[in-house]
Amino acid sequence: MSRTTRQLVDLGHQIDALRNDLQQSNEQFVALEEMAEDAHIRAIVSETPSESYSAHEMQVAKERLETVICSMKNELDQLLTKRDELLEKLFEESQQG
């Protein structure tokens, strides 16, 4: 197995793992978004400091997860670009040999 092929296999595993993590994070985000909305509504209805604080904390958690998801998407884009470069390299190697 050539070095480029090994790199492609390793990269494929990284991409698969990151896609799985991203899917789980997106599912968590949807749940967290619903919980944050519920907390916001409870804060409006109850008008208590504790409910307002809870709603704020849920919003912060949602924003943090959104940042993590964005970072994961950027990393996935980089890995896919690297994969495409390696595929081109492998194609060129096959044309030469």
N, C-alpha and C. Protein backbone atom coordinates (compact mmCIF):
# COMPACT_ATOMS: atom_id res chain seq x y z
N MET A 1 0.86 -1.17 0.00
CA MET A 1 0.00 0.00 0.00
C MET A 1 0.90 1.24 0.00
N SER A 2 0.63 2.15 -0.91
CA SER A 2 1.46 3.36 -1.01
C SER A 2 1.20 4.29 0.17
N ARG A 3 2.12 5.20 0.35
CA ARG A 3 2.00 6.18 1.43
C ARG A 3 0.73 7.02 1.26
N THR A 4 0.47 7.43 0.04
CA THR A 4 -0.72 8.24 -0.25
C THR A 4 -2.00 7.46 0.07
N THR A 5 -2.01 6.18 -0.27
CA THR A 5 -3.18 5.35 0.02
C THR A 5 -3.40 5.22 1.52
N ARG A 6 -2.33 5.02 2.27
CA ARG A 6 -2.44 4.93 3.73
C ARG A 6 -2.97 6.24 4.31
N GLN A 7 -2.47 7.35 3.76
CA GLN A 7 -2.94 8.66 4.23
C GLN A 7 -4.44 8.82 3.94
N LEU A 8 -4.87 8.36 2.77
CA LEU A 8 -6.29 8.44 2.41
C LEU A 8 -7.15 7.59 3.34
N VAL A 9 -6.68 6.41 3.67
CA VAL A 9 -7.43 5.53 4.57
C VAL A 9 -7.53 6.19 5.95
N ASP A 10 -6.41 6.70 6.46
CA ASP A 10 -6.42 7.37 7.76
C ASP A 10 -7.35 8.58 7.75
N LEU A 11 -7.26 9.34 6.68
CA LEU A 11 -8.11 10.53 6.54
C LEU A 11 -9.59 10.14 6.47
N GLY A 12 -9.87 9.05 5.79
CA GLY A 12 -11.25 8.57 5.72
C GLY A 12 -11.81 8.23 7.09
N HIS A 13 -10.98 7.61 7.93
CA HIS A 13 -11.41 7.30 9.30
C HIS A 13 -11.67 8.58 10.10
N GLN A 14 -10.78 9.56 9.93
CA GLN A 14 -10.96 10.84 10.63
C GLN A 14 -12.25 11.52 10.18
N ILE A 15 -12.50 11.51 8.89
CA ILE A 15 -13.71 12.14 8.35
C ILE A 15 -14.96 11.45 8.88
N ASP A 16 -14.95 10.12 8.87
CA ASP A 16 -16.11 9.38 9.39
C ASP A 16 -16.36 9.69 10.86
N ALA A 17 -15.30 9.70 11.65
CA ALA A 17 -15.43 9.99 13.09
C ALA A 17 -15.97 11.40 13.31
N LEU A 18 -15.43 12.35 12.55
CA LEU A 18 -15.87 13.74 12.71
C LEU A 18 -17.32 13.90 12.26
N ARG A 19 -17.71 13.23 11.20
CA ARG A 19 -19.11 13.30 10.76
C ARG A 19 -20.04 12.74 11.83
N ASN A 20 -19.64 11.64 12.46
CA ASN A 20 -20.46 11.07 13.54
C ASN A 20 -20.56 12.04 14.71
N ASP A 21 -19.43 12.63 15.10
CA ASP A 21 -19.43 13.60 16.19
C ASP A 21 -20.30 14.81 15.84
N LEU A 22 -20.21 15.25 14.60
CA LEU A 22 -20.99 16.40 14.16
C LEU A 22 -22.49 16.08 14.18
N GLN A 23 -22.85 14.88 13.76
CA GLN A 23 -24.26 14.48 13.80
C GLN A 23 -24.78 14.47 15.24
N GLN A 24 -24.00 13.92 16.15
CA GLN A 24 -24.40 13.88 17.55
C GLN A 24 -24.51 15.30 18.12
N SER A 25 -23.56 16.14 17.77
CA SER A 25 -23.60 17.53 18.26
C SER A 25 -24.80 18.27 17.71
N ASN A 26 -25.15 18.03 16.46
CA ASN A 26 -26.34 18.67 15.89
C ASN A 26 -27.61 18.21 16.60
N GLU A 27 -27.68 16.92 16.93
CA GLU A 27 -28.83 16.41 17.68
C GLU A 27 -28.89 17.04 19.06
N GLN A 28 -27.74 17.17 19.71
CA GLN A 28 -27.70 17.82 21.02
C GLN A 28 -28.12 19.27 20.91
N PHE A 29 -27.71 19.93 19.84
CA PHE A 29 -28.05 21.33 19.65
C PHE A 29 -29.56 21.51 19.53
N VAL A 30 -30.21 20.64 18.78
CA VAL A 30 -31.66 20.73 18.63
C VAL A 30 -32.34 20.59 19.98
N ALA A 31 -31.90 19.62 20.76
CA ALA A 31 -32.49 19.43 22.10
C ALA A 31 -32.21 20.63 22.99
N LEU A 32 -30.98 21.13 22.94
CA LEU A 32 -30.61 22.27 23.77
C LEU A 32 -31.36 23.53 23.35
N GLU A 33 -31.58 23.66 22.07
CA GLU A 33 -32.34 24.81 21.56
C GLU A 33 -33.77 24.80 22.10
N GLU A 34 -34.38 23.62 22.13
CA GLU A 34 -35.74 23.50 22.68
C GLU A 34 -35.75 23.80 24.17
N MET A 35 -34.76 23.29 24.88
CA MET A 35 -34.69 23.55 26.32
C MET A 35 -34.46 25.04 26.60
N ALA A 36 -33.64 25.68 25.79
CA ALA A 36 -33.37 27.11 25.97
C ALA A 36 -34.63 27.92 25.71
N GLU A 37 -35.39 27.54 24.71
CA GLU A 37 -36.64 28.24 24.42
C GLU A 37 -37.64 28.06 25.56
N ASP A 38 -37.74 26.84 26.07
CA ASP A 38 -38.62 26.60 27.22
C ASP A 38 -38.20 27.42 28.44
N ALA A 39 -36.90 27.46 28.68
CA ALA A 39 -36.39 28.23 29.83
C ALA A 39 -36.69 29.72 29.64
N HIS A 40 -36.57 30.20 28.42
CA HIS A 40 -36.87 31.61 28.14
C HIS A 40 -38.35 31.91 28.41
N ILE A 41 -39.20 31.03 27.97
CA ILE A 41 -40.64 31.23 28.20
C ILE A 41 -40.95 31.20 29.69
N ARG A 42 -40.34 30.26 30.42
CA ARG A 42 -40.56 30.19 31.87
C ARG A 42 -40.07 31.47 32.55
N ALA A 43 -38.96 32.02 32.07
CA ALA A 43 -38.43 33.25 32.65
C ALA A 43 -39.38 34.41 32.42
N ILE A 44 -39.96 34.47 31.25
CA ILE A 44 -40.91 35.55 30.94
C ILE A 44 -42.16 35.42 31.81
N VAL A 45 -42.67 34.20 31.92
CA VAL A 45 -43.91 33.97 32.67
C VAL A 45 -43.71 34.18 34.16
N SER A 46 -42.63 33.65 34.70
CA SER A 46 -42.44 33.70 36.15
C SER A 46 -41.87 35.02 36.64
N GLU A 47 -41.11 35.69 35.79
CA GLU A 47 -40.46 36.96 36.14
C GLU A 47 -39.63 36.86 37.42
N THR A 48 -38.99 35.70 37.64
CA THR A 48 -38.12 35.55 38.81
C THR A 48 -36.66 35.55 38.36
N PRO A 49 -35.79 36.04 39.24
CA PRO A 49 -34.37 36.07 38.89
C PRO A 49 -33.79 34.68 38.60
N SER A 50 -34.24 33.68 39.34
CA SER A 50 -33.69 32.34 39.14
C SER A 50 -34.07 31.79 37.76
N GLU A 51 -35.27 32.04 37.31
CA GLU A 51 -35.69 31.59 35.98
C GLU A 51 -34.96 32.37 34.89
N SER A 52 -34.75 33.66 35.14
CA SER A 52 -34.01 34.48 34.17
C SER A 52 -32.57 33.99 34.06
N TYR A 53 -31.98 33.67 35.20
CA TYR A 53 -30.61 33.16 35.22
C TYR A 53 -30.54 31.82 34.48
N SER A 54 -31.49 30.96 34.73
CA SER A 54 -31.54 29.66 34.07
C SER A 54 -31.66 29.82 32.55
N ALA A 55 -32.52 30.72 32.13
CA ALA A 55 -32.69 30.98 30.70
C ALA A 55 -31.41 31.50 30.08
N HIS A 56 -30.74 32.39 30.81
CA HIS A 56 -29.48 32.93 30.32
C HIS A 56 -28.42 31.83 30.19
N GLU A 57 -28.33 30.97 31.18
CA GLU A 57 -27.35 29.88 31.15
C GLU A 57 -27.63 28.91 30.00
N MET A 58 -28.88 28.65 29.74
CA MET A 58 -29.23 27.77 28.62
C MET A 58 -28.85 28.42 27.29
N GLN A 59 -29.05 29.72 27.19
CA GLN A 59 -28.69 30.44 25.97
C GLN A 59 -27.17 30.40 25.76
N VAL A 60 -26.42 30.59 26.84
CA VAL A 60 -24.95 30.56 26.76
C VAL A 60 -24.49 29.16 26.32
N ALA A 61 -25.08 28.13 26.90
CA ALA A 61 -24.72 26.75 26.54
C ALA A 61 -25.02 26.49 25.06
N LYS A 62 -26.14 26.99 24.61
CA LYS A 62 -26.53 26.83 23.20
C LYS A 62 -25.53 27.52 22.28
N GLU A 63 -25.12 28.72 22.65
CA GLU A 63 -24.16 29.47 21.84
C GLU A 63 -22.79 28.79 21.83
N ARG A 64 -22.39 28.23 22.96
CA ARG A 64 -21.11 27.51 23.01
C ARG A 64 -21.14 26.29 22.11
N LEU A 65 -22.22 25.54 22.17
CA LEU A 65 -22.34 24.35 21.32
C LEU A 65 -22.38 24.75 19.85
N GLU A 66 -23.02 25.85 19.56
CA GLU A 66 -23.07 26.34 18.18
C GLU A 66 -21.66 26.68 17.68
N THR A 67 -20.83 27.24 18.55
CA THR A 67 -19.45 27.55 18.20
C THR A 67 -18.66 26.26 17.95
N VAL A 68 -18.88 25.27 18.78
CA VAL A 68 -18.20 23.97 18.61
C VAL A 68 -18.61 23.33 17.28
N ILE A 69 -19.89 23.38 16.97
CA ILE A 69 -20.38 22.81 15.71
C ILE A 69 -19.76 23.53 14.52
N CYS A 70 -19.68 24.83 14.59
CA CYS A 70 -19.07 25.61 13.52
C CYS A 70 -17.61 25.21 13.34
N SER A 71 -16.91 25.05 14.43
CA SER A 71 -15.52 24.62 14.39
C SER A 71 -15.38 23.23 13.78
N MET A 72 -16.29 22.35 14.14
CA MET A 72 -16.27 20.99 13.59
C MET A 72 -16.53 21.01 12.08
N LYS A 73 -17.43 21.86 11.65
CA LYS A 73 -17.72 21.97 10.22
C LYS A 73 -16.50 22.49 9.46
N ASN A 74 -15.81 23.47 10.05
CA ASN A 74 -14.60 23.98 9.42
C ASN A 74 -13.53 22.90 9.32
N GLU A 75 -13.37 22.13 10.40
CA GLU A 75 -12.39 21.04 10.39
C GLU A 75 -12.77 20.00 9.35
N LEU A 76 -14.04 19.68 9.23
CA LEU A 76 -14.49 18.71 8.23
C LEU A 76 -14.18 19.22 6.82
N ASP A 77 -14.43 20.49 6.58
CA ASP A 77 -14.12 21.08 5.27
C ASP A 77 -12.63 20.96 4.96
N GLN A 78 -11.79 21.19 5.96
CA GLN A 78 -10.34 21.07 5.77
C GLN A 78 -9.94 19.63 5.46
N LEU A 79 -10.54 18.68 6.17
CA LEU A 79 -10.24 17.28 5.93
C LEU A 79 -10.70 16.84 4.54
N LEU A 80 -11.84 17.33 4.12
CA LEU A 80 -12.34 16.98 2.79
C LEU A 80 -11.45 17.57 1.70
N THR A 81 -10.97 18.77 1.92
CA THR A 81 -10.04 19.38 0.97
C THR A 81 -8.75 18.58 0.89
N LYS A 82 -8.24 18.18 2.05
CA LYS A 82 -7.03 17.35 2.09
C LYS A 82 -7.26 16.03 1.39
N ARG A 83 -8.45 15.42 1.59
CA ARG A 83 -8.78 14.17 0.92
C ARG A 83 -8.76 14.35 -0.60
N ASP A 84 -9.35 15.45 -1.06
CA ASP A 84 -9.39 15.70 -2.50
C ASP A 84 -7.97 15.87 -3.06
N GLU A 85 -7.11 16.55 -2.30
CA GLU A 85 -5.72 16.72 -2.74
C GLU A 85 -5.00 15.37 -2.82
N LEU A 86 -5.24 14.52 -1.83
CA LEU A 86 -4.61 13.20 -1.84
C LEU A 86 -5.15 12.33 -2.98
N LEU A 87 -6.44 12.44 -3.26
CA LEU A 87 -7.01 11.69 -4.38
C LEU A 87 -6.39 12.13 -5.71
N GLU A 88 -6.19 13.43 -5.86
CA GLU A 88 -5.53 13.95 -7.07
C GLU A 88 -4.11 13.42 -7.16
N LYS A 89 -3.42 13.41 -6.03
CA LYS A 89 -2.04 12.91 -5.99
C LYS A 89 -2.01 11.43 -6.35
N LEU A 90 -2.94 10.65 -5.81
CA LEU A 90 -3.01 9.24 -6.10
C LEU A 90 -3.29 9.00 -7.59
N PHE A 91 -4.18 9.80 -8.15
CA PHE A 91 -4.49 9.70 -9.56
C PHE A 91 -3.25 9.98 -10.41
N GLU A 92 -2.52 11.03 -10.04
CA GLU A 92 -1.29 11.37 -10.77
C GLU A 92 -0.26 10.26 -10.65
N GLU A 93 -0.16 9.67 -9.46
CA GLU A 93 0.79 8.57 -9.28
C GLU A 93 0.39 7.37 -10.14
N SER A 94 -0.91 7.12 -10.27
CA SER A 94 -1.34 5.97 -11.06
C SER A 94 -1.11 6.22 -12.56
N GLN A 95 -1.16 7.49 -12.97
CA GLN A 95 -0.91 7.83 -14.38
C GLN A 95 0.56 7.68 -14.73
N GLN A 96 1.42 7.93 -13.75
CA GLN A 96 2.87 7.86 -13.99
C GLN A 96 3.38 6.42 -13.92
N GLY A 97 2.77 5.62 -13.10
CA GLY A 97 3.29 4.26 -12.88
C GLY A 97 2.48 3.26 -13.52
